[in-house]
Amino acid sequence: MRSRNRRALALAASLAAAALLSACSAGAGSAPAATGANSSGPVTIDVWGWDPITKQVADAFNKSQDQVKVNYVQQASNTAMQTNFRNVMESKKDVPCLAQGFAPLATSLVNGWAQDITSYIKPIEDKFGAGALAGAKLGDKYYGIPGAPSAQFMMVNAKTLKAGGVEAPKTWEELIKTGKSLAPSGVKVINLAGEDPSVLVNLAQQADAEWFKIDGDKWTVNLHGKETLKAADVFQQIVDNGLNSTQTYKDRPALYSYFDSGKLATLPTQWWSLPGLQTNFKNSLGDWEAVPNPQFEGATGERVPGRGSASIVPVGCEHPEAAVKFSTFALTDPKGIEASRNKDTGTVGIPAALKDVSQYTEAVVPTKLFGQSPKEVGRVIADAQANVIGGFELGPDYDAWFPQLQDQWGKAVAKQITFKDALANVEAYIANDLKSKGIDYTIAK
């Protein structure tokens, strides 16, 4: 069954794949993940995740109603959950009804893990932001829970920019010009870690690239389109002109020390990274400002990078409606959001699945990091979340090709190859990998 699932589910949102999922769901699981459907008591479902705060949310949900009872099964870590989840899906025993997102949605579908939950999400689409909805879809079907893609915005060292006589760049083209202006003083405009190609994925997403696309009964792969090459060219110009630093995330103390030195002008980031930056900065506290993420010149409308791994309702769960009900409470209900308040810090994370997060953003802004007020920074974060893209398909073999992208990105940052060549090499690897796995694909012309 597993080999047939791989082949059929690689066709993603086709009717054949949906039918196979339904067939597998009917036969999966000698020990169902939900009980109580035919009794007078509530339906009971297992929910898996690794965040301890989810236990608080589950308790609040259980107290708020009497139709569904959530049993939260906390995993030791993201890594432990991946291992344990694979094991239960292989055994078809004790399958949970909701699994916190730890893999790209297509990977979950190809592996035969994710149910089609379109009929449960469609009636409640208006509760979620566009980016959250986009990240939960494959084709026109929902195979994931609309989650919380954290939007990218930019921090700039205002003191450094002022000393160089330049302003915060509003476009990526301006960022290159700013870098050239600052270069004589030894200031770098951006940091490009050799092991972290996520910035390239982000910029390709913003440029409206589609690396993987469902086309009828097969995948179309395209890492060479004009949108992707536009993103790659930004980094090529930065590297060719020596405008970037290459501090690695593998040495956090050195990384933070460099960010704090005044020698870095801009830092793309997300809201959840701010407390760590304030904790590790000493010299530049108060020098930073939050500004909108740069756009491409001539772009219509604001497009902000941001992705997330959608949580799934696994095949084998007999009560997907209960899983969706709990998820909706946790992600969109004020009581569920309040229940996520961290007891140690007293803070609530930004519920990024919502259309409007403005009432929550000010509270997550550290008090010393920025020269702006928390309200000003919060508005930048809220505007970014309102425009987050959310969806960017990573294909059926992400686990295989991403390490190749890391390798090729590192070589490009080190000027050993061009970014265009790096993408071509990764695309060739993807083609060979999909072929070896029996997954139908074409390379875009």
Protein backbone atom coordinates (compact mmCIF):
# COMPACT_ATOMS: atom_id res chain seq x y z
CA MET A 1 0.00 0.00 0.00
CA ARG A 2 2.84 2.35 0.86
CA SER A 3 4.48 2.24 -2.58
CA ARG A 4 1.13 2.77 -4.29
CA ASN A 5 0.45 5.72 -1.96
CA ARG A 6 3.73 7.34 -2.93
CA ARG A 7 2.92 7.07 -6.60
CA ALA A 8 -0.69 8.18 -6.38
CA LEU A 9 -0.24 10.89 -3.79
CA ALA A 10 2.56 12.42 -5.81
CA LEU A 11 -0.21 13.48 -8.12
CA ALA A 12 -1.28 15.67 -5.20
CA ALA A 13 -4.73 17.15 -5.56
CA SER A 14 -6.05 14.90 -8.30
CA LEU A 15 -9.25 12.98 -7.75
CA ALA A 16 -7.38 9.71 -7.78
CA ALA A 17 -5.18 10.83 -4.90
CA ALA A 18 -8.16 12.05 -2.94
CA ALA A 19 -9.94 8.75 -3.46
CA LEU A 20 -6.90 6.83 -2.30
CA LEU A 21 -6.67 8.95 0.81
CA SER A 22 -10.29 8.22 1.59
CA ALA A 23 -9.77 4.51 1.08
CA CYS A 24 -6.71 4.45 3.31
CA SER A 25 -8.51 6.47 5.97
CA ALA A 26 -11.32 3.95 6.14
CA GLY A 27 -8.93 1.09 6.80
CA ALA A 28 -6.27 2.78 8.90
CA GLY A 29 -5.79 2.31 12.57
CA SER A 30 -6.65 -0.64 14.75
CA ALA A 31 -6.75 1.79 17.66
CA PRO A 32 -8.64 4.91 16.52
CA ALA A 33 -7.40 8.34 17.58
CA ALA A 34 -10.83 9.52 18.62
CA THR A 35 -13.52 7.89 20.72
CA GLY A 36 -17.02 8.64 21.87
CA ALA A 37 -18.73 9.19 18.53
CA ASN A 38 -21.48 6.69 19.34
CA SER A 39 -21.78 7.41 23.05
CA SER A 40 -23.41 10.12 25.06
CA GLY A 41 -20.05 11.58 26.10
CA PRO A 42 -17.74 13.89 24.18
CA VAL A 43 -15.53 12.80 21.31
CA THR A 44 -11.98 12.37 22.59
CA ILE A 45 -9.03 13.06 20.32
CA ASP A 46 -5.27 12.93 20.71
CA VAL A 47 -3.33 16.02 19.68
CA TRP A 48 0.43 15.81 19.19
CA GLY A 49 2.92 18.64 19.47
CA TRP A 50 6.11 19.69 21.22
CA ASP A 51 5.10 23.08 22.62
CA PRO A 52 4.17 22.81 26.33
CA ILE A 53 1.91 25.85 26.06
CA THR A 54 -0.47 23.85 23.87
CA LYS A 55 -1.42 21.91 27.02
CA GLN A 56 -2.79 25.15 28.49
CA VAL A 57 -4.80 25.75 25.32
CA ALA A 58 -6.15 22.18 25.36
CA ASP A 59 -7.25 22.59 28.98
CA ALA A 60 -9.02 25.85 28.17
CA PHE A 61 -10.71 24.25 25.17
CA ASN A 62 -11.92 21.31 27.24
CA LYS A 63 -13.44 23.69 29.77
CA SER A 64 -15.09 25.85 27.08
CA GLN A 65 -17.39 23.16 25.67
CA ASP A 66 -18.48 19.55 26.18
CA GLN A 67 -18.57 18.11 22.65
CA VAL A 68 -14.84 17.41 22.21
CA LYS A 69 -12.17 16.47 24.70
CA VAL A 70 -8.55 16.98 23.70
CA ASN A 71 -5.83 14.77 25.11
CA TYR A 72 -2.57 16.60 24.47
CA VAL A 73 0.37 14.27 23.92
CA GLN A 74 3.52 16.35 24.26
CA GLN A 75 6.56 15.19 22.34
CA ALA A 76 10.07 15.78 23.63
CA SER A 77 11.05 17.89 20.61
CA ASN A 78 10.35 18.54 16.95
CA THR A 79 12.83 15.81 16.04
CA ALA A 80 11.33 13.31 18.47
CA MET A 81 7.87 14.02 17.08
CA GLN A 82 9.01 13.30 13.53
CA THR A 83 10.34 9.90 14.56
CA ASN A 84 7.35 8.99 16.71
CA PHE A 85 4.84 10.16 14.14
CA ARG A 86 6.44 8.13 11.36
CA ASN A 87 6.30 5.08 13.61
CA VAL A 88 2.59 5.38 14.41
CA MET A 89 1.71 6.04 10.79
CA GLU A 90 3.60 2.90 9.77
CA SER A 91 1.94 0.83 12.48
CA LYS A 92 -1.51 2.44 11.99
CA LYS A 93 -1.98 2.30 15.75
CA ASP A 94 -2.65 5.21 18.12
CA VAL A 95 -2.71 7.70 15.25
CA PRO A 96 -3.41 11.22 16.59
CA CYS A 97 -6.19 13.40 15.21
CA LEU A 98 -4.00 16.48 14.95
CA ALA A 99 -0.25 16.72 14.43
CA GLN A 100 1.67 19.97 14.80
CA GLY A 101 3.30 20.88 11.48
CA PHE A 102 6.84 19.55 11.14
CA ALA A 103 7.10 18.90 7.39
CA PRO A 104 6.03 20.62 4.16
CA LEU A 105 2.42 19.89 3.31
CA ALA A 106 3.28 18.07 0.08
CA THR A 107 5.61 15.77 2.01
CA SER A 108 2.75 14.88 4.36
CA LEU A 109 0.48 14.20 1.39
CA VAL A 110 3.01 12.15 -0.55
CA ASN A 111 3.71 10.04 2.52
CA GLY A 112 0.00 9.29 2.90
CA TRP A 113 -0.30 11.19 6.18
CA ALA A 114 -2.63 14.14 5.55
CA GLN A 115 -6.41 13.93 5.15
CA ASP A 116 -8.33 16.16 2.79
CA ILE A 117 -10.14 18.49 5.20
CA THR A 118 -11.51 20.92 2.63
CA SER A 119 -15.13 20.38 3.64
CA TYR A 120 -14.33 21.40 7.23
CA ILE A 121 -12.18 24.44 6.41
CA LYS A 122 -14.28 25.99 3.64
CA PRO A 123 -17.14 27.06 5.97
CA ILE A 124 -14.72 28.85 8.32
CA GLU A 125 -12.30 30.44 5.84
CA ASP A 126 -13.35 33.91 6.97
CA LYS A 127 -11.73 33.31 10.36
CA PHE A 128 -8.24 33.15 8.86
CA GLY A 129 -5.89 35.49 7.06
CA ALA A 130 -5.10 34.97 3.38
CA GLY A 131 -1.52 33.89 4.11
CA ALA A 132 -2.66 31.25 6.60
CA LEU A 133 -5.17 29.85 4.11
CA ALA A 134 -2.62 29.76 1.30
CA GLY A 135 -0.18 27.78 3.40
CA ALA A 136 -2.76 25.07 4.12
CA LYS A 137 -3.64 24.32 0.48
CA LEU A 138 -2.38 22.07 -2.25
CA GLY A 139 -4.10 23.04 -5.45
CA ASP A 140 -7.63 23.97 -4.48
CA LYS A 141 -7.92 21.56 -1.55
CA TYR A 142 -7.03 21.96 2.11
CA TYR A 143 -4.75 19.25 3.41
CA GLY A 144 -3.56 21.33 6.35
CA ILE A 145 -4.88 23.55 9.11
CA PRO A 146 -4.56 27.25 8.20
CA GLY A 147 -1.61 28.06 10.40
CA ALA A 148 0.60 30.93 11.34
CA PRO A 149 3.16 32.02 8.73
CA SER A 150 5.42 34.57 10.44
CA ALA A 151 5.93 37.55 8.15
CA GLN A 152 9.35 38.98 7.41
CA PHE A 153 10.08 42.63 8.10
CA MET A 154 13.37 44.44 8.28
CA MET A 155 15.39 45.89 11.12
CA VAL A 156 17.83 48.63 10.19
CA ASN A 157 20.57 50.13 12.30
CA ALA A 158 19.44 53.76 12.09
CA LYS A 159 22.67 55.04 13.65
CA THR A 160 24.77 53.25 11.06
CA LEU A 161 22.59 54.43 8.18
CA LYS A 162 22.70 58.04 9.39
CA ALA A 163 26.48 57.94 9.70
CA GLY A 164 26.65 56.74 6.10
CA GLY A 165 24.25 59.41 4.87
CA VAL A 166 21.66 56.93 3.60
CA GLU A 167 18.10 55.96 4.42
CA ALA A 168 16.43 52.61 4.97
CA PRO A 169 15.98 50.91 1.56
CA LYS A 170 12.42 50.54 0.36
CA THR A 171 13.27 48.17 -2.49
CA TRP A 172 15.82 45.40 -3.02
CA GLU A 173 17.35 47.47 -5.78
CA GLU A 174 17.79 50.34 -3.30
CA LEU A 175 19.35 47.92 -0.82
CA ILE A 176 22.10 47.16 -3.34
CA LYS A 177 22.72 50.87 -3.90
CA THR A 178 22.76 51.44 -0.14
CA GLY A 179 25.31 48.67 0.25
CA LYS A 180 27.59 50.27 -2.31
CA SER A 181 27.34 53.62 -0.52
CA LEU A 182 28.23 52.06 2.83
CA ALA A 183 31.00 49.77 1.57
CA PRO A 184 33.87 52.30 1.80
CA SER A 185 33.28 52.61 5.56
CA GLY A 186 33.45 48.84 6.07
CA VAL A 187 29.72 48.45 6.71
CA LYS A 188 27.94 45.46 5.18
CA VAL A 189 24.35 45.88 4.05
CA ILE A 190 23.16 42.35 4.86
CA ASN A 191 24.41 39.07 6.32
CA LEU A 192 24.27 35.93 4.17
CA ALA A 193 25.11 32.84 6.20
CA GLY A 194 26.65 30.18 3.99
CA GLU A 195 24.47 27.44 5.45
CA ASP A 196 21.14 29.27 5.28
CA PRO A 197 19.47 29.54 1.85
CA SER A 198 16.12 30.45 3.40
CA VAL A 199 16.70 34.06 2.33
CA LEU A 200 16.75 32.89 -1.28
CA VAL A 201 13.55 30.90 -0.81
CA ASN A 202 11.97 33.96 0.82
CA LEU A 203 12.94 36.28 -2.02
CA ALA A 204 11.80 33.78 -4.65
CA GLN A 205 8.47 33.56 -2.85
CA GLN A 206 8.21 37.36 -2.83
CA ALA A 207 9.04 37.50 -6.54
CA ASP A 208 6.03 35.23 -7.19
CA ALA A 209 8.09 32.21 -8.20
CA GLU A 210 6.60 28.71 -8.18
CA TRP A 211 9.30 26.08 -7.69
CA PHE A 212 6.76 23.25 -7.58
CA LYS A 213 3.33 23.32 -9.14
CA ILE A 214 0.61 20.70 -9.45
CA ASP A 215 -0.23 20.28 -13.12
CA GLY A 216 -3.00 17.73 -13.61
CA ASP A 217 -1.48 14.38 -12.71
CA LYS A 218 2.14 15.44 -12.22
CA TRP A 219 4.46 18.02 -10.73
CA THR A 220 6.01 20.89 -12.68
CA VAL A 221 9.43 21.87 -11.34
CA ASN A 222 10.78 25.35 -12.04
CA LEU A 223 13.84 26.76 -10.31
CA HIS A 224 14.94 28.65 -13.43
CA GLY A 225 11.96 30.94 -14.08
CA LYS A 226 12.37 34.68 -14.46
CA GLU A 227 10.91 35.28 -11.00
CA THR A 228 13.47 33.05 -9.30
CA LEU A 229 16.30 34.49 -11.36
CA LYS A 230 15.23 37.99 -10.38
CA ALA A 231 15.63 36.99 -6.74
CA ALA A 232 18.94 35.26 -7.44
CA ASP A 233 20.26 38.34 -9.21
CA VAL A 234 19.78 40.43 -6.06
CA PHE A 235 22.11 38.12 -4.16
CA GLN A 236 24.51 37.87 -7.10
CA GLN A 237 24.96 41.63 -7.15
CA ILE A 238 25.38 41.72 -3.38
CA VAL A 239 28.04 39.00 -3.38
CA ASP A 240 29.83 40.22 -6.53
CA ASN A 241 30.25 43.65 -4.97
CA GLY A 242 31.25 42.35 -1.54
CA LEU A 243 28.29 44.01 0.17
CA ASN A 244 27.49 41.14 2.54
CA SER A 245 28.96 39.59 5.64
CA THR A 246 28.98 35.79 6.05
CA GLN A 247 28.52 35.31 9.77
CA THR A 248 27.31 31.80 10.51
CA TYR A 249 24.39 30.78 12.70
CA LYS A 250 26.57 27.92 13.92
CA ASP A 251 28.45 30.38 16.16
CA ARG A 252 25.70 32.39 17.83
CA PRO A 253 27.92 34.49 20.13
CA ALA A 254 30.03 35.67 17.19
CA LEU A 255 26.92 36.22 15.09
CA TYR A 256 25.21 38.40 17.70
CA SER A 257 28.46 40.25 18.39
CA TYR A 258 28.72 41.19 14.74
CA PHE A 259 25.09 42.26 14.50
CA ASP A 260 25.69 44.38 17.58
CA SER A 261 28.90 45.98 16.27
CA GLY A 262 27.34 48.68 14.08
CA LYS A 263 28.96 47.14 11.00
CA LEU A 264 25.70 45.63 9.73
CA ALA A 265 23.08 47.94 8.23
CA THR A 266 20.01 45.73 7.78
CA LEU A 267 18.64 42.53 9.25
CA PRO A 268 15.57 40.77 7.79
CA THR A 269 13.77 39.09 10.68
CA GLN A 270 10.46 37.93 12.21
CA TRP A 271 8.70 38.95 15.40
CA TRP A 272 9.66 35.84 17.38
CA SER A 273 13.39 36.56 17.05
CA LEU A 274 13.22 39.96 18.78
CA PRO A 275 13.60 38.86 22.43
CA GLY A 276 16.76 36.92 21.57
CA LEU A 277 18.24 39.93 19.78
CA GLN A 278 17.61 42.24 22.74
CA THR A 279 19.07 39.69 25.16
CA ASN A 280 22.28 39.35 23.14
CA PHE A 281 22.82 42.96 22.08
CA LYS A 282 24.70 45.42 24.27
CA ASN A 283 26.17 48.25 22.20
CA SER A 284 23.39 48.80 19.66
CA LEU A 285 20.31 48.72 21.89
CA GLY A 286 18.08 51.61 20.83
CA ASP A 287 19.86 52.04 17.49
CA TRP A 288 17.52 49.78 15.55
CA GLU A 289 14.31 50.62 13.73
CA ALA A 290 11.66 48.34 12.26
CA VAL A 291 10.79 49.10 8.64
CA PRO A 292 8.68 47.30 6.00
CA ASN A 293 10.30 44.49 4.09
CA PRO A 294 11.78 45.84 0.84
CA GLN A 295 9.78 45.23 -2.32
CA PHE A 296 10.97 44.81 -5.90
CA GLU A 297 10.95 47.94 -8.03
CA GLY A 298 7.73 48.21 -10.01
CA ALA A 299 5.88 45.67 -7.87
CA THR A 300 2.15 46.23 -7.54
CA GLY A 301 0.94 45.81 -3.99
CA GLU A 302 2.92 44.65 -1.00
CA ARG A 303 4.12 41.05 -0.93
CA VAL A 304 5.80 39.85 2.24
CA PRO A 305 7.67 36.55 2.55
CA GLY A 306 6.49 34.14 5.18
CA ARG A 307 5.91 30.40 5.31
CA GLY A 308 5.02 27.78 7.86
CA SER A 309 4.52 24.04 8.16
CA ALA A 310 0.79 23.48 8.39
CA SER A 311 -0.52 21.12 11.05
CA ILE A 312 -2.35 18.12 9.62
CA VAL A 313 -5.26 15.85 10.45
CA PRO A 314 -3.64 12.46 9.86
CA VAL A 315 -5.16 9.65 7.84
CA GLY A 316 -6.63 7.32 10.45
CA CYS A 317 -8.29 10.04 12.52
CA GLU A 318 -12.01 9.29 12.54
CA HIS A 319 -13.10 12.72 13.76
CA PRO A 320 -11.44 15.39 11.62
CA GLU A 321 -14.24 17.81 12.52
CA ALA A 322 -13.14 17.63 16.16
CA ALA A 323 -9.52 18.35 15.23
CA VAL A 324 -10.57 21.37 13.16
CA LYS A 325 -12.78 22.62 15.98
CA PHE A 326 -9.88 22.55 18.44
CA SER A 327 -7.52 24.17 15.94
CA THR A 328 -9.97 26.97 15.25
CA PHE A 329 -10.29 27.62 18.98
CA ALA A 330 -6.51 27.64 19.45
CA LEU A 331 -5.71 29.83 16.45
CA THR A 332 -8.60 32.29 16.17
CA ASP A 333 -10.76 32.33 19.32
CA PRO A 334 -9.84 35.10 21.81
CA LYS A 335 -10.17 32.59 24.67
CA GLY A 336 -7.86 30.15 22.94
CA ILE A 337 -5.32 32.85 22.17
CA GLU A 338 -5.41 34.09 25.75
CA ALA A 339 -4.86 30.54 26.97
CA SER A 340 -1.53 30.53 25.13
CA ARG A 341 -0.12 33.22 27.44
CA ASN A 342 3.33 32.18 28.64
CA LYS A 343 3.23 31.86 32.42
CA ASP A 344 6.92 32.71 32.77
CA THR A 345 7.03 35.82 30.58
CA GLY A 346 3.37 36.86 30.77
CA THR A 347 3.27 37.31 26.99
CA VAL A 348 1.03 36.01 24.23
CA GLY A 349 2.65 35.20 20.90
CA ILE A 350 1.23 36.77 17.79
CA PRO A 351 -1.70 34.65 16.55
CA ALA A 352 -0.51 34.93 12.98
CA ALA A 353 -3.37 32.90 11.51
CA LEU A 354 -5.70 35.90 12.00
CA LYS A 355 -6.50 38.50 9.37
CA ASP A 356 -5.60 41.33 11.74
CA VAL A 357 -3.04 40.86 14.51
CA SER A 358 -2.62 44.54 15.40
CA GLN A 359 -3.99 44.18 18.94
CA TYR A 360 -1.28 41.62 19.75
CA THR A 361 1.87 43.02 18.14
CA GLU A 362 2.80 45.79 20.56
CA ALA A 363 3.11 43.34 23.44
CA VAL A 364 5.81 41.26 21.75
CA VAL A 365 8.17 44.19 21.12
CA PRO A 366 11.16 44.31 23.51
CA THR A 367 11.54 47.57 25.38
CA LYS A 368 15.21 48.35 24.67
CA LEU A 369 15.98 47.06 21.18
CA PHE A 370 14.38 49.79 19.09
CA GLY A 371 14.57 53.55 18.98
CA GLN A 372 10.87 53.52 18.10
CA SER A 373 7.95 53.02 20.43
CA PRO A 374 6.49 49.52 20.77
CA LYS A 375 3.37 50.84 19.06
CA GLU A 376 5.36 51.94 15.99
CA VAL A 377 7.20 48.63 15.76
CA GLY A 378 3.96 46.74 16.33
CA ARG A 379 2.36 48.49 13.39
CA VAL A 380 5.20 47.40 11.10
CA ILE A 381 4.77 43.80 12.26
CA ALA A 382 0.98 43.93 11.88
CA ASP A 383 1.21 45.36 8.37
CA ALA A 384 3.69 42.65 7.41
CA GLN A 385 1.39 39.93 8.74
CA ALA A 386 -1.56 41.40 6.84
CA ASN A 387 0.40 41.00 3.59
CA VAL A 388 2.21 37.72 4.24
CA ILE A 389 2.16 35.37 1.25
CA GLY A 390 1.98 32.13 3.21
CA GLY A 391 1.93 29.69 0.32
CA PHE A 392 5.08 28.48 -1.40
CA GLU A 393 5.02 24.85 -2.47
CA LEU A 394 8.19 22.95 -1.58
CA GLY A 395 7.37 19.81 -3.51
CA PRO A 396 7.13 16.13 -2.66
CA ASP A 397 10.83 15.60 -1.82
CA TYR A 398 11.79 18.65 0.23
CA ASP A 399 13.83 16.60 2.71
CA ALA A 400 16.00 15.40 -0.16
CA TRP A 401 16.57 18.60 -2.10
CA PHE A 402 16.93 21.18 0.67
CA PRO A 403 20.36 19.88 1.80
CA GLN A 404 21.43 20.18 -1.83
CA LEU A 405 20.24 23.79 -1.87
CA GLN A 406 22.24 24.44 1.30
CA ASP A 407 25.36 23.06 -0.35
CA GLN A 408 24.89 25.00 -3.58
CA TRP A 409 23.95 28.21 -1.76
CA GLY A 410 27.13 27.98 0.33
CA LYS A 411 29.22 27.65 -2.81
CA ALA A 412 27.50 30.65 -4.39
CA VAL A 413 27.98 32.81 -1.30
CA ALA A 414 31.66 31.81 -1.37
CA LYS A 415 31.86 32.91 -5.04
CA GLN A 416 32.70 29.39 -6.25
CA ILE A 417 29.67 29.27 -8.55
CA THR A 418 26.92 31.69 -9.54
CA PHE A 419 23.50 31.63 -7.91
CA LYS A 420 21.98 30.81 -11.30
CA ASP A 421 24.23 27.76 -11.56
CA ALA A 422 23.40 26.78 -7.99
CA LEU A 423 19.69 26.75 -8.81
CA ALA A 424 20.28 24.77 -12.01
CA ASN A 425 22.24 22.17 -10.06
CA VAL A 426 19.48 21.82 -7.47
CA GLU A 427 16.84 21.53 -10.19
CA ALA A 428 18.83 18.74 -11.85
CA TYR A 429 19.09 16.96 -8.50
CA ILE A 430 15.33 17.25 -7.96
CA ALA A 431 14.64 15.76 -11.40
CA ASN A 432 16.86 12.76 -10.71
CA ASP A 433 15.41 12.30 -7.23
CA LEU A 434 11.79 12.40 -8.39
CA LYS A 435 12.57 9.99 -11.21
CA SER A 436 14.20 7.55 -8.79
CA LYS A 437 11.13 7.67 -6.57
CA GLY A 438 8.68 7.08 -9.38
CA ILE A 439 7.05 10.49 -9.03
CA ASP A 440 5.73 12.02 -12.25
CA TYR A 441 7.16 15.45 -13.09
CA THR A 442 8.16 17.79 -15.87
CA ILE A 443 10.72 20.58 -15.90
CA ALA A 444 9.10 23.87 -16.87
CA LYS A 445 10.10 25.30 -20.24
